[in-house]
Amino acid sequence: MTDPIEPPPRVWTGRATNRAQWLLSAAGAACLALGIELAVDSAWTSGNVPLAMAVVGCVAAGLLMLYGTLAFVHVAVHIDEDCFEVRCGYMGVPRRRILLAHVVGAEFAPRVTPRQWGGWGYRWHPENGMAVVVRRGEGLVLTLGDGRSFTVTVDDAEAGVRILRDRLRLSPGGRPSGA
């Protein structure tokens, strides 16, 4: 008796996390706390303008570091019957939704690094297209109908590529089977 071929799942989800970003979040929280401490209980003797600049600078740097790191601590990818969606961080912002009707190719990238893209986060590179990079490692690369690409680092990217190719009826080379 042979095992029946199992149909692909109707929905695929993947995630990737970068635990090192928590250290940067802690530094952002420390900057924010320093700014609040300076504003509330300061024995600053140089005048109000330098104090205000220090408070605003610490609070702004702290908020930017907190948002910039917490927004890209992890990424969640969701593939269903008609769309590919990427949500970043705990609030799901920024979010990118791509209709599968606009996707013409799907490739597995065994090694995506922040260095390739100029750092962590939501990135754009003239030659490479757009990417969401939360850690180094495997990724999924979509080729869109307009020739641009979209890359996302995600665990088990090969499974996501298989699901996408099945949905789009692509050959293993990532191109439409009739081409």
C-alpha atoms as a PDB file:
ATOM      1  CA  MET A   1       0.000   0.000   0.000  1.00  0.00           C
ATOM      2  CA  THR A   2       1.449   3.351  -1.002  1.00  0.00           C
ATOM      3  CA  ASP A   3       1.059   6.556   0.936  1.00  0.00           C
ATOM      4  CA  PRO A   4      -1.149   9.106  -0.790  1.00  0.00           C
ATOM      5  CA  ILE A   5       0.582  12.319  -1.776  1.00  0.00           C
ATOM      6  CA  GLU A   6      -0.225  14.919   0.809  1.00  0.00           C
ATOM      7  CA  PRO A   7      -1.552  18.214  -0.610  1.00  0.00           C
ATOM      8  CA  PRO A   8       0.358  21.353   0.349  1.00  0.00           C
ATOM      9  CA  PRO A   9      -0.987  23.308   3.323  1.00  0.00           C
ATOM     10  CA  ARG A  10      -3.494  26.046   2.532  1.00  0.00           C
ATOM     11  CA  VAL A  11      -1.573  28.571   4.662  1.00  0.00           C
ATOM     12  CA  TRP A  12       2.137  28.719   5.447  1.00  0.00           C
ATOM     13  CA  THR A  13       3.659  30.853   8.185  1.00  0.00           C
ATOM     14  CA  GLY A  14       7.278  31.437   8.999  1.00  0.00           C
ATOM     15  CA  ARG A  15       9.163  33.544  11.505  1.00  0.00           C
ATOM     16  CA  ALA A  16      12.644  34.764  12.183  1.00  0.00           C
ATOM     17  CA  THR A  17      13.973  36.370  15.355  1.00  0.00           C
ATOM     18  CA  ASN A  18      17.102  38.279  16.256  1.00  0.00           C
ATOM     19  CA  ARG A  19      17.732  38.092  19.963  1.00  0.00           C
ATOM     20  CA  ALA A  20      20.752  40.418  19.738  1.00  0.00           C
ATOM     21  CA  GLN A  21      18.360  43.297  18.996  1.00  0.00           C
ATOM     22  CA  TRP A  22      17.191  43.123  22.613  1.00  0.00           C
ATOM     23  CA  LEU A  23      20.575  44.541  23.688  1.00  0.00           C
ATOM     24  CA  LEU A  24      20.027  47.562  21.460  1.00  0.00           C
ATOM     25  CA  SER A  25      16.508  47.908  22.863  1.00  0.00           C
ATOM     26  CA  ALA A  26      17.970  47.989  26.376  1.00  0.00           C
ATOM     27  CA  ALA A  27      20.366  50.745  25.306  1.00  0.00           C
ATOM     28  CA  GLY A  28      17.427  52.704  23.878  1.00  0.00           C
ATOM     29  CA  ALA A  29      15.498  52.281  27.112  1.00  0.00           C
ATOM     30  CA  ALA A  30      18.547  53.505  29.042  1.00  0.00           C
ATOM     31  CA  CYS A  31      18.785  56.646  26.861  1.00  0.00           C
ATOM     32  CA  LEU A  32      15.083  57.301  27.367  1.00  0.00           C
ATOM     33  CA  ALA A  33      15.410  56.833  31.138  1.00  0.00           C
ATOM     34  CA  LEU A  34      18.404  59.184  31.223  1.00  0.00           C
ATOM     35  CA  GLY A  35      16.431  61.854  29.375  1.00  0.00           C
ATOM     36  CA  ILE A  36      13.530  61.518  31.805  1.00  0.00           C
ATOM     37  CA  GLU A  37      15.874  61.568  34.791  1.00  0.00           C
ATOM     38  CA  LEU A  38      17.557  64.733  33.496  1.00  0.00           C
ATOM     39  CA  ALA A  39      14.172  66.414  32.992  1.00  0.00           C
ATOM     40  CA  VAL A  40      12.775  65.489  36.391  1.00  0.00           C
ATOM     41  CA  ASP A  41      15.684  65.668  38.788  1.00  0.00           C
ATOM     42  CA  SER A  42      18.491  67.706  37.354  1.00  0.00           C
ATOM     43  CA  ALA A  43      21.054  69.797  39.178  1.00  0.00           C
ATOM     44  CA  TRP A  44      22.203  71.248  35.837  1.00  0.00           C
ATOM     45  CA  THR A  45      23.990  74.547  36.437  1.00  0.00           C
ATOM     46  CA  SER A  46      24.847  75.550  32.862  1.00  0.00           C
ATOM     47  CA  GLY A  47      21.403  76.950  32.065  1.00  0.00           C
ATOM     48  CA  ASN A  48      18.106  75.765  30.690  1.00  0.00           C
ATOM     49  CA  VAL A  49      19.022  75.585  26.989  1.00  0.00           C
ATOM     50  CA  PRO A  50      21.774  72.956  27.389  1.00  0.00           C
ATOM     51  CA  LEU A  51      19.512  71.006  29.765  1.00  0.00           C
ATOM     52  CA  ALA A  52      16.615  71.067  27.281  1.00  0.00           C
ATOM     53  CA  MET A  53      18.954  69.974  24.473  1.00  0.00           C
ATOM     54  CA  ALA A  54      20.269  67.083  26.589  1.00  0.00           C
ATOM     55  CA  VAL A  55      16.746  65.971  27.568  1.00  0.00           C
ATOM     56  CA  VAL A  56      15.379  66.177  24.026  1.00  0.00           C
ATOM     57  CA  GLY A  57      18.473  64.442  22.623  1.00  0.00           C
ATOM     58  CA  CYS A  58      18.316  61.556  25.111  1.00  0.00           C
ATOM     59  CA  VAL A  59      14.557  61.069  24.754  1.00  0.00           C
ATOM     60  CA  ALA A  60      14.704  61.223  20.923  1.00  0.00           C
ATOM     61  CA  ALA A  61      17.668  58.839  20.710  1.00  0.00           C
ATOM     62  CA  GLY A  62      16.003  56.450  23.153  1.00  0.00           C
ATOM     63  CA  LEU A  63      12.682  56.418  21.278  1.00  0.00           C
ATOM     64  CA  LEU A  64      14.392  55.947  17.911  1.00  0.00           C
ATOM     65  CA  MET A  65      16.504  53.087  19.222  1.00  0.00           C
ATOM     66  CA  LEU A  66      13.518  51.436  20.883  1.00  0.00           C
ATOM     67  CA  TYR A  67      11.293  51.642  17.822  1.00  0.00           C
ATOM     68  CA  GLY A  68      14.085  50.741  15.405  1.00  0.00           C
ATOM     69  CA  THR A  69      15.006  47.631  17.328  1.00  0.00           C
ATOM     70  CA  LEU A  70      11.628  46.438  18.591  1.00  0.00           C
ATOM     71  CA  ALA A  71      10.134  46.838  15.112  1.00  0.00           C
ATOM     72  CA  PHE A  72      12.752  44.475  13.710  1.00  0.00           C
ATOM     73  CA  VAL A  73      13.309  42.004  16.546  1.00  0.00           C
ATOM     74  CA  HIS A  74      11.299  39.478  14.556  1.00  0.00           C
ATOM     75  CA  VAL A  75       9.445  39.064  11.290  1.00  0.00           C
ATOM     76  CA  ALA A  76       6.373  36.978  10.510  1.00  0.00           C
ATOM     77  CA  VAL A  77       5.632  35.736   6.984  1.00  0.00           C
ATOM     78  CA  HIS A  78       2.183  34.529   5.978  1.00  0.00           C
ATOM     79  CA  ILE A  79       1.433  32.887   2.620  1.00  0.00           C
ATOM     80  CA  ASP A  80      -2.144  32.007   1.746  1.00  0.00           C
ATOM     81  CA  GLU A  81      -4.044  31.269  -1.448  1.00  0.00           C
ATOM     82  CA  ASP A  82      -3.633  34.730  -2.966  1.00  0.00           C
ATOM     83  CA  CYS A  83      -1.071  36.810  -1.059  1.00  0.00           C
ATOM     84  CA  PHE A  84       2.338  36.941   0.574  1.00  0.00           C
ATOM     85  CA  GLU A  85       2.447  39.091   3.706  1.00  0.00           C
ATOM     86  CA  VAL A  86       5.345  40.208   5.897  1.00  0.00           C
ATOM     87  CA  ARG A  87       4.812  41.819   9.306  1.00  0.00           C
ATOM     88  CA  CYS A  88       7.638  43.211  11.397  1.00  0.00           C
ATOM     89  CA  GLY A  89       7.926  43.508  15.153  1.00  0.00           C
ATOM     90  CA  TYR A  90       5.238  43.139  17.768  1.00  0.00           C
ATOM     91  CA  MET A  91       2.870  45.688  16.262  1.00  0.00           C
ATOM     92  CA  GLY A  92       3.160  44.256  12.751  1.00  0.00           C
ATOM     93  CA  VAL A  93       4.468  47.546  11.382  1.00  0.00           C
ATOM     94  CA  PRO A  94       5.919  47.986   8.850  1.00  0.00           C
ATOM     95  CA  ARG A  95       3.869  45.525   6.860  1.00  0.00           C
ATOM     96  CA  ARG A  96       4.215  44.474   3.225  1.00  0.00           C
ATOM     97  CA  ARG A  97       1.460  42.636   1.356  1.00  0.00           C
ATOM     98  CA  ILE A  98       2.164  41.281  -2.143  1.00  0.00           C
ATOM     99  CA  LEU A  99      -0.542  39.648  -4.217  1.00  0.00           C
ATOM    100  CA  LEU A 100       0.614  36.340  -5.676  1.00  0.00           C
ATOM    101  CA  ALA A 101      -0.718  37.543  -9.036  1.00  0.00           C
ATOM    102  CA  HIS A 102       2.254  39.977  -9.053  1.00  0.00           C
ATOM    103  CA  VAL A 103       4.876  37.289  -8.271  1.00  0.00           C
ATOM    104  CA  VAL A 104       6.673  35.593 -11.181  1.00  0.00           C
ATOM    105  CA  GLY A 105       9.452  33.794  -9.313  1.00  0.00           C
ATOM    106  CA  ALA A 106      10.434  32.402  -5.912  1.00  0.00           C
ATOM    107  CA  GLU A 107      13.966  31.423  -4.914  1.00  0.00           C
ATOM    108  CA  PHE A 108      15.666  30.115  -1.793  1.00  0.00           C
ATOM    109  CA  ALA A 109      18.633  32.199  -0.620  1.00  0.00           C
ATOM    110  CA  PRO A 110      20.821  30.055   1.669  1.00  0.00           C
ATOM    111  CA  ARG A 111      22.747  33.014   3.093  1.00  0.00           C
ATOM    112  CA  VAL A 112      21.334  36.523   3.476  1.00  0.00           C
ATOM    113  CA  THR A 113      23.386  38.903   5.608  1.00  0.00           C
ATOM    114  CA  PRO A 114      22.702  42.383   6.968  1.00  0.00           C
ATOM    115  CA  ARG A 115      25.965  43.441   5.329  1.00  0.00           C
ATOM    116  CA  GLN A 116      24.533  42.709   1.853  1.00  0.00           C
ATOM    117  CA  TRP A 117      21.678  45.097   2.564  1.00  0.00           C
ATOM    118  CA  GLY A 118      23.412  47.775   4.639  1.00  0.00           C
ATOM    119  CA  GLY A 119      22.101  46.636   8.022  1.00  0.00           C
ATOM    120  CA  TRP A 120      19.072  45.218   9.747  1.00  0.00           C
ATOM    121  CA  GLY A 121      15.534  46.308   9.059  1.00  0.00           C
ATOM    122  CA  TYR A 122      13.446  47.223   6.033  1.00  0.00           C
ATOM    123  CA  ARG A 123      16.009  47.881   3.304  1.00  0.00           C
ATOM    124  CA  TRP A 124      16.251  49.019  -0.295  1.00  0.00           C
ATOM    125  CA  HIS A 125      19.255  48.422  -2.537  1.00  0.00           C
ATOM    126  CA  PRO A 126      19.359  49.563  -6.188  1.00  0.00           C
ATOM    127  CA  GLU A 127      20.687  46.259  -7.529  1.00  0.00           C
ATOM    128  CA  ASN A 128      18.979  43.879  -5.092  1.00  0.00           C
ATOM    129  CA  GLY A 129      15.503  45.412  -4.627  1.00  0.00           C
ATOM    130  CA  MET A 130      13.809  45.495  -1.232  1.00  0.00           C
ATOM    131  CA  ALA A 131      14.322  43.316   1.832  1.00  0.00           C
ATOM    132  CA  VAL A 132      13.334  42.741   5.412  1.00  0.00           C
ATOM    133  CA  VAL A 133      16.445  41.540   7.218  1.00  0.00           C
ATOM    134  CA  VAL A 134      16.162  40.678  10.915  1.00  0.00           C
ATOM    135  CA  ARG A 135      19.101  38.262  11.114  1.00  0.00           C
ATOM    136  CA  ARG A 136      21.651  36.530   8.922  1.00  0.00           C
ATOM    137  CA  GLY A 137      20.764  33.180   7.464  1.00  0.00           C
ATOM    138  CA  GLU A 138      18.356  31.670   5.008  1.00  0.00           C
ATOM    139  CA  GLY A 139      15.837  33.767   3.172  1.00  0.00           C
ATOM    140  CA  LEU A 140      13.117  33.775   0.586  1.00  0.00           C
ATOM    141  CA  VAL A 141      13.439  35.907  -2.577  1.00  0.00           C
ATOM    142  CA  LEU A 142      10.405  36.856  -4.634  1.00  0.00           C
ATOM    143  CA  THR A 143      10.725  38.147  -8.185  1.00  0.00           C
ATOM    144  CA  LEU A 144       7.881  40.487  -9.000  1.00  0.00           C
ATOM    145  CA  GLY A 145       6.250  41.053 -12.377  1.00  0.00           C
ATOM    146  CA  ASP A 146       7.860  44.494 -12.732  1.00  0.00           C
ATOM    147  CA  GLY A 147      11.366  42.968 -12.435  1.00  0.00           C
ATOM    148  CA  ARG A 148      11.993  44.052  -8.846  1.00  0.00           C
ATOM    149  CA  SER A 149      12.727  41.604  -6.065  1.00  0.00           C
ATOM    150  CA  PHE A 150      11.696  41.293  -2.432  1.00  0.00           C
ATOM    151  CA  THR A 151      13.809  39.333   0.059  1.00  0.00           C
ATOM    152  CA  VAL A 152      12.934  38.351   3.609  1.00  0.00           C
ATOM    153  CA  THR A 153      14.968  36.395   6.146  1.00  0.00           C
ATOM    154  CA  VAL A 154      12.785  33.658   7.591  1.00  0.00           C
ATOM    155  CA  ASP A 155      13.274  30.243   9.168  1.00  0.00           C
ATOM    156  CA  ASP A 156      12.523  27.273   6.903  1.00  0.00           C
ATOM    157  CA  ALA A 157      12.560  29.491   3.805  1.00  0.00           C
ATOM    158  CA  GLU A 158      12.811  26.413   1.563  1.00  0.00           C
ATOM    159  CA  ALA A 159       9.339  25.303   2.662  1.00  0.00           C
ATOM    160  CA  GLY A 160       7.985  28.770   1.896  1.00  0.00           C
ATOM    161  CA  VAL A 161       9.561  28.652  -1.565  1.00  0.00           C
ATOM    162  CA  ARG A 162       8.013  25.227  -2.223  1.00  0.00           C
ATOM    163  CA  ILE A 163       4.573  26.520  -1.204  1.00  0.00           C
ATOM    164  CA  LEU A 164       4.956  29.615  -3.382  1.00  0.00           C
ATOM    165  CA  ARG A 165       6.097  27.595  -6.387  1.00  0.00           C
ATOM    166  CA  ASP A 166       3.159  25.261  -5.948  1.00  0.00           C
ATOM    167  CA  ARG A 167       0.724  28.177  -5.682  1.00  0.00           C
ATOM    168  CA  LEU A 168       2.225  29.840  -8.760  1.00  0.00           C
ATOM    169  CA  ARG A 169       2.804  26.552 -10.607  1.00  0.00           C
ATOM    170  CA  LEU A 170       6.497  27.317 -11.000  1.00  0.00           C
ATOM    171  CA  SER A 171       9.189  24.842 -11.933  1.00  0.00           C
ATOM    172  CA  PRO A 172      12.031  24.164  -9.446  1.00  0.00           C
ATOM    173  CA  GLY A 173      14.089  26.836 -11.243  1.00  0.00           C
ATOM    174  CA  GLY A 174      11.563  29.409 -10.042  1.00  0.00           C
ATOM    175  CA  ARG A 175      10.071  30.230 -13.457  1.00  0.00           C
ATOM    176  CA  PRO A 176       6.604  29.455 -14.850  1.00  0.00           C
ATOM    177  CA  SER A 177       6.426  25.830 -15.970  1.00  0.00           C
ATOM    178  CA  GLY A 178       5.384  26.741 -19.513  1.00  0.00           C
ATOM    179  CA  ALA A 179       8.357  29.100 -20.081  1.00  0.00           C
END
